[in-house]
Amino acid sequence: MTLVLYKSNLTINPFNPDNFGGLRVFIEIASVILSIYLLRATMGVVGLLDHKGVKDKTQYIGDLYHTLYFFLGIGFIIAFMQKIHYWLSTVNLEKYLSHNIYLDFTNQIKTVDINSTVKLSSDIANYYDKLLNFNKFPADLSIFTGALFTFVLPISLWFLIHIFEEKNSEEN
């Protein structure tokens, strides 16, 4: 597999075990990058909420800077998914679903040997199963749940800690 950024010389194999034609590694890397962006955005959101009474402009600018990573992350993931979608759309599944391929399989079943017939039938089923399970959607959503938790969990924890701190200060 060759990845050239200025050209799309990427070979997509619909029979790859990852069901993304071999692109799952890129999707996982994008998920990590998105997690980093969302973590920075979380730092900004928590900073903006936590530094409400602080009159330091530098602190405010820093919190805004970190919050902008949310929009950078969204832009990154949209651009990335468009590129992955383009790469996946280059796969011509009709070529693999050709009737000639089915005829090649069935023409091989000419013997009376039950074992070879069962094996070839299994090969046909596996072949079409791989094509049916080939995912042309540009993202595996289960991979991106970690990135979303990277954003939601710290903010949720901050709110819980903030509520407990307010209750403790009210009691004292």
C-alpha atoms as a PDB file:
ATOM      1  CA  MET A   1       0.000   0.000   0.000  1.00  0.00           C
ATOM      2  CA  THR A   2       1.442   3.312  -1.047  1.00  0.00           C
ATOM      3  CA  LEU A   3       0.326   6.613   0.416  1.00  0.00           C
ATOM      4  CA  VAL A   4       1.221   9.695  -1.559  1.00  0.00           C
ATOM      5  CA  LEU A   5      -0.324  12.904  -0.288  1.00  0.00           C
ATOM      6  CA  TYR A   6      -0.435  14.762  -3.585  1.00  0.00           C
ATOM      7  CA  LYS A   7      -1.796  11.820  -5.573  1.00  0.00           C
ATOM      8  CA  SER A   8      -4.194   9.036  -4.707  1.00  0.00           C
ATOM      9  CA  ASN A   9      -2.058   6.002  -5.484  1.00  0.00           C
ATOM     10  CA  LEU A  10      -3.625   4.122  -2.617  1.00  0.00           C
ATOM     11  CA  THR A  11      -4.692   0.548  -3.273  1.00  0.00           C
ATOM     12  CA  ILE A  12      -7.910  -0.379  -1.500  1.00  0.00           C
ATOM     13  CA  ASN A  13      -8.467  -4.105  -1.032  1.00  0.00           C
ATOM     14  CA  PRO A  14     -12.105  -4.996  -0.233  1.00  0.00           C
ATOM     15  CA  PHE A  15     -10.928  -8.381   1.086  1.00  0.00           C
ATOM     16  CA  ASN A  16      -8.807  -6.840   3.827  1.00  0.00           C
ATOM     17  CA  PRO A  17      -9.840  -8.215   7.239  1.00  0.00           C
ATOM     18  CA  ASP A  18     -10.458  -4.720   8.643  1.00  0.00           C
ATOM     19  CA  ASN A  19     -13.494  -4.285   6.296  1.00  0.00           C
ATOM     20  CA  PHE A  20     -12.189  -0.832   5.327  1.00  0.00           C
ATOM     21  CA  GLY A  21      -9.905  -1.944   2.520  1.00  0.00           C
ATOM     22  CA  GLY A  22      -6.813  -1.497   4.696  1.00  0.00           C
ATOM     23  CA  LEU A  23      -7.663   2.064   5.768  1.00  0.00           C
ATOM     24  CA  ARG A  24      -8.576   1.268   9.377  1.00  0.00           C
ATOM     25  CA  VAL A  25      -5.078   2.240  10.529  1.00  0.00           C
ATOM     26  CA  PHE A  26      -5.585   5.734   9.104  1.00  0.00           C
ATOM     27  CA  ILE A  27      -8.990   5.953  10.781  1.00  0.00           C
ATOM     28  CA  GLU A  28      -7.465   4.983  14.137  1.00  0.00           C
ATOM     29  CA  ILE A  29      -4.711   7.584  13.744  1.00  0.00           C
ATOM     30  CA  ALA A  30      -7.348  10.224  12.922  1.00  0.00           C
ATOM     31  CA  SER A  31      -9.240   9.205  16.058  1.00  0.00           C
ATOM     32  CA  VAL A  32      -6.125   9.819  18.170  1.00  0.00           C
ATOM     33  CA  ILE A  33      -5.556  13.214  16.519  1.00  0.00           C
ATOM     34  CA  LEU A  34      -9.211  14.116  17.106  1.00  0.00           C
ATOM     35  CA  SER A  35      -8.837  13.066  20.760  1.00  0.00           C
ATOM     36  CA  ILE A  36      -5.881  15.422  21.137  1.00  0.00           C
ATOM     37  CA  TYR A  37      -7.847  18.299  19.589  1.00  0.00           C
ATOM     38  CA  LEU A  38     -10.849  17.599  21.814  1.00  0.00           C
ATOM     39  CA  LEU A  39      -8.665  17.356  24.917  1.00  0.00           C
ATOM     40  CA  ARG A  40      -7.226  20.782  24.139  1.00  0.00           C
ATOM     41  CA  ALA A  41     -10.762  22.081  23.571  1.00  0.00           C
ATOM     42  CA  THR A  42     -11.791  20.631  26.925  1.00  0.00           C
ATOM     43  CA  MET A  43      -8.943  22.510  28.570  1.00  0.00           C
ATOM     44  CA  GLY A  44     -10.267  25.704  26.994  1.00  0.00           C
ATOM     45  CA  VAL A  45     -13.897  25.147  27.963  1.00  0.00           C
ATOM     46  CA  VAL A  46     -12.996  24.231  31.547  1.00  0.00           C
ATOM     47  CA  GLY A  47     -10.606  27.183  31.660  1.00  0.00           C
ATOM     48  CA  LEU A  48     -13.292  29.598  30.465  1.00  0.00           C
ATOM     49  CA  LEU A  49     -15.743  28.260  33.041  1.00  0.00           C
ATOM     50  CA  ASP A  50     -13.208  28.087  35.850  1.00  0.00           C
ATOM     51  CA  HIS A  51     -11.625  31.511  35.256  1.00  0.00           C
ATOM     52  CA  LYS A  52     -14.845  33.549  35.134  1.00  0.00           C
ATOM     53  CA  GLY A  53     -13.860  35.950  37.880  1.00  0.00           C
ATOM     54  CA  VAL A  54     -10.228  36.291  36.828  1.00  0.00           C
ATOM     55  CA  LYS A  55      -9.512  39.612  35.104  1.00  0.00           C
ATOM     56  CA  ASP A  56      -6.324  38.431  33.430  1.00  0.00           C
ATOM     57  CA  LYS A  57      -6.618  38.965  29.660  1.00  0.00           C
ATOM     58  CA  THR A  58      -3.731  36.591  28.988  1.00  0.00           C
ATOM     59  CA  GLN A  59      -5.569  33.782  30.764  1.00  0.00           C
ATOM     60  CA  TYR A  60      -8.739  34.542  28.818  1.00  0.00           C
ATOM     61  CA  ILE A  61      -6.874  34.547  25.484  1.00  0.00           C
ATOM     62  CA  GLY A  62      -5.212  31.246  26.384  1.00  0.00           C
ATOM     63  CA  ASP A  63      -8.565  29.683  27.246  1.00  0.00           C
ATOM     64  CA  LEU A  64     -10.053  30.952  23.966  1.00  0.00           C
ATOM     65  CA  TYR A  65      -7.050  29.578  22.093  1.00  0.00           C
ATOM     66  CA  HIS A  66      -7.615  26.137  23.592  1.00  0.00           C
ATOM     67  CA  THR A  67     -11.362  26.313  22.905  1.00  0.00           C
ATOM     68  CA  LEU A  68     -10.661  26.942  19.208  1.00  0.00           C
ATOM     69  CA  TYR A  69      -9.214  23.435  19.024  1.00  0.00           C
ATOM     70  CA  PHE A  70     -12.795  22.149  19.101  1.00  0.00           C
ATOM     71  CA  PHE A  71     -13.442  23.781  15.731  1.00  0.00           C
ATOM     72  CA  LEU A  72     -10.040  22.692  14.411  1.00  0.00           C
ATOM     73  CA  GLY A  73     -10.875  19.120  15.424  1.00  0.00           C
ATOM     74  CA  ILE A  74     -14.256  19.263  13.713  1.00  0.00           C
ATOM     75  CA  GLY A  75     -12.655  20.682  10.554  1.00  0.00           C
ATOM     76  CA  PHE A  76      -9.906  18.054  10.650  1.00  0.00           C
ATOM     77  CA  ILE A  77     -12.324  15.155  10.987  1.00  0.00           C
ATOM     78  CA  ILE A  78     -14.599  16.461   8.214  1.00  0.00           C
ATOM     79  CA  ALA A  79     -11.650  16.848   5.831  1.00  0.00           C
ATOM     80  CA  PHE A  80     -10.291  13.440   6.832  1.00  0.00           C
ATOM     81  CA  MET A  81     -13.625  11.672   6.324  1.00  0.00           C
ATOM     82  CA  GLN A  82     -14.022  13.279   2.922  1.00  0.00           C
ATOM     83  CA  LYS A  83     -10.604  11.944   1.901  1.00  0.00           C
ATOM     84  CA  ILE A  84     -11.354   8.455   3.245  1.00  0.00           C
ATOM     85  CA  HIS A  85     -14.730   8.546   1.496  1.00  0.00           C
ATOM     86  CA  TYR A  86     -12.988   9.462  -1.757  1.00  0.00           C
ATOM     87  CA  TRP A  87     -10.529   6.580  -1.363  1.00  0.00           C
ATOM     88  CA  LEU A  88     -13.295   4.088  -0.553  1.00  0.00           C
ATOM     89  CA  SER A  89     -15.406   5.276  -3.490  1.00  0.00           C
ATOM     90  CA  THR A  90     -12.587   4.351  -5.877  1.00  0.00           C
ATOM     91  CA  VAL A  91     -13.289   0.660  -5.220  1.00  0.00           C
ATOM     92  CA  ASN A  92     -15.346  -0.841  -8.027  1.00  0.00           C
ATOM     93  CA  LEU A  93     -17.340  -3.567  -6.273  1.00  0.00           C
ATOM     94  CA  GLU A  94     -19.230  -4.391  -9.464  1.00  0.00           C
ATOM     95  CA  LYS A  95     -15.981  -5.739 -10.866  1.00  0.00           C
ATOM     96  CA  TYR A  96     -15.787  -8.181  -7.950  1.00  0.00           C
ATOM     97  CA  LEU A  97     -19.480  -9.123  -8.229  1.00  0.00           C
ATOM     98  CA  SER A  98     -19.159 -10.076 -11.871  1.00  0.00           C
ATOM     99  CA  HIS A  99     -21.048 -13.189 -12.968  1.00  0.00           C
ATOM    100  CA  ASN A 100     -17.840 -14.504 -14.549  1.00  0.00           C
ATOM    101  CA  ILE A 101     -16.256 -14.881 -11.118  1.00  0.00           C
ATOM    102  CA  TYR A 102     -19.231 -16.957  -9.968  1.00  0.00           C
ATOM    103  CA  LEU A 103     -18.960 -19.082 -13.123  1.00  0.00           C
ATOM    104  CA  ASP A 104     -15.252 -19.630 -12.449  1.00  0.00           C
ATOM    105  CA  PHE A 105     -16.099 -20.966  -9.006  1.00  0.00           C
ATOM    106  CA  THR A 106     -18.901 -23.201 -10.257  1.00  0.00           C
ATOM    107  CA  ASN A 107     -16.858 -24.527 -13.187  1.00  0.00           C
ATOM    108  CA  GLN A 108     -14.292 -25.764 -10.690  1.00  0.00           C
ATOM    109  CA  ILE A 109     -16.952 -27.984  -9.115  1.00  0.00           C
ATOM    110  CA  LYS A 110     -16.749 -30.780 -11.655  1.00  0.00           C
ATOM    111  CA  THR A 111     -15.617 -33.594  -9.427  1.00  0.00           C
ATOM    112  CA  VAL A 112     -17.757 -35.972  -7.479  1.00  0.00           C
ATOM    113  CA  ASP A 113     -15.520 -35.479  -4.440  1.00  0.00           C
ATOM    114  CA  ILE A 114     -17.759 -34.041  -1.721  1.00  0.00           C
ATOM    115  CA  ASN A 115     -14.846 -32.464   0.177  1.00  0.00           C
ATOM    116  CA  SER A 116     -13.723 -30.306  -2.755  1.00  0.00           C
ATOM    117  CA  THR A 117     -17.339 -29.299  -3.452  1.00  0.00           C
ATOM    118  CA  VAL A 118     -17.844 -28.266   0.169  1.00  0.00           C
ATOM    119  CA  LYS A 119     -14.547 -26.339   0.170  1.00  0.00           C
ATOM    120  CA  LEU A 120     -15.392 -24.485  -3.050  1.00  0.00           C
ATOM    121  CA  SER A 121     -18.889 -23.713  -1.753  1.00  0.00           C
ATOM    122  CA  SER A 122     -17.311 -22.322   1.397  1.00  0.00           C
ATOM    123  CA  ASP A 123     -14.897 -20.268  -0.715  1.00  0.00           C
ATOM    124  CA  ILE A 124     -17.808 -18.806  -2.697  1.00  0.00           C
ATOM    125  CA  ALA A 125     -19.662 -17.940   0.506  1.00  0.00           C
ATOM    126  CA  ASN A 126     -16.547 -16.333   2.031  1.00  0.00           C
ATOM    127  CA  TYR A 127     -15.868 -14.382  -1.148  1.00  0.00           C
ATOM    128  CA  TYR A 128     -19.348 -12.848  -1.296  1.00  0.00           C
ATOM    129  CA  ASP A 129     -19.482 -12.385   2.475  1.00  0.00           C
ATOM    130  CA  LYS A 130     -16.311 -10.274   2.322  1.00  0.00           C
ATOM    131  CA  LEU A 131     -17.785  -8.131  -0.432  1.00  0.00           C
ATOM    132  CA  LEU A 132     -21.075  -7.683   1.429  1.00  0.00           C
ATOM    133  CA  ASN A 133     -19.255  -6.691   4.629  1.00  0.00           C
ATOM    134  CA  PHE A 134     -16.945  -4.225   2.881  1.00  0.00           C
ATOM    135  CA  ASN A 135     -17.626  -0.928   4.591  1.00  0.00           C
ATOM    136  CA  LYS A 136     -17.787   2.073   2.295  1.00  0.00           C
ATOM    137  CA  PHE A 137     -18.785   4.411   5.134  1.00  0.00           C
ATOM    138  CA  PRO A 138     -15.687   6.563   5.812  1.00  0.00           C
ATOM    139  CA  ALA A 139     -15.533   6.076   9.570  1.00  0.00           C
ATOM    140  CA  ASP A 140     -15.968   3.328  12.086  1.00  0.00           C
ATOM    141  CA  LEU A 141     -18.018   5.062  14.745  1.00  0.00           C
ATOM    142  CA  SER A 142     -16.824   2.657  17.439  1.00  0.00           C
ATOM    143  CA  ILE A 143     -13.304   4.047  16.972  1.00  0.00           C
ATOM    144  CA  PHE A 144     -14.461   7.639  17.464  1.00  0.00           C
ATOM    145  CA  THR A 145     -16.320   6.992  20.722  1.00  0.00           C
ATOM    146  CA  GLY A 146     -12.995   7.325  22.542  1.00  0.00           C
ATOM    147  CA  ALA A 147     -12.503  10.747  21.035  1.00  0.00           C
ATOM    148  CA  LEU A 148     -15.952  11.842  22.164  1.00  0.00           C
ATOM    149  CA  PHE A 149     -15.355  10.564  25.689  1.00  0.00           C
ATOM    150  CA  THR A 150     -12.122  12.551  25.695  1.00  0.00           C
ATOM    151  CA  PHE A 151     -14.242  15.674  25.329  1.00  0.00           C
ATOM    152  CA  VAL A 152     -17.310  14.814  27.412  1.00  0.00           C
ATOM    153  CA  LEU A 153     -15.766  12.998  30.381  1.00  0.00           C
ATOM    154  CA  PRO A 154     -13.380  15.743  31.600  1.00  0.00           C
ATOM    155  CA  ILE A 155     -16.068  18.419  31.323  1.00  0.00           C
ATOM    156  CA  SER A 156     -18.513  16.188  33.207  1.00  0.00           C
ATOM    157  CA  LEU A 157     -15.933  15.539  35.913  1.00  0.00           C
ATOM    158  CA  TRP A 158     -15.212  19.257  36.170  1.00  0.00           C
ATOM    159  CA  PHE A 159     -18.940  19.982  36.656  1.00  0.00           C
ATOM    160  CA  LEU A 160     -19.210  17.318  39.366  1.00  0.00           C
ATOM    161  CA  ILE A 161     -16.128  18.613  41.187  1.00  0.00           C
ATOM    162  CA  HIS A 162     -17.374  22.193  40.825  1.00  0.00           C
ATOM    163  CA  ILE A 163     -20.772  21.267  42.299  1.00  0.00           C
ATOM    164  CA  PHE A 164     -19.128  19.493  45.262  1.00  0.00           C
ATOM    165  CA  GLU A 165     -16.847  22.484  45.864  1.00  0.00           C
ATOM    166  CA  GLU A 166     -19.837  24.851  45.860  1.00  0.00           C
ATOM    167  CA  LYS A 167     -21.712  22.637  48.340  1.00  0.00           C
ATOM    168  CA  ASN A 168     -18.672  22.481  50.635  1.00  0.00           C
ATOM    169  CA  SER A 169     -18.214  26.253  50.501  1.00  0.00           C
ATOM    170  CA  GLU A 170     -21.928  26.789  51.293  1.00  0.00           C
ATOM    171  CA  GLU A 171     -21.709  24.434  54.286  1.00  0.00           C
ATOM    172  CA  ASN A 172     -18.688  26.256  55.701  1.00  0.00           C
END
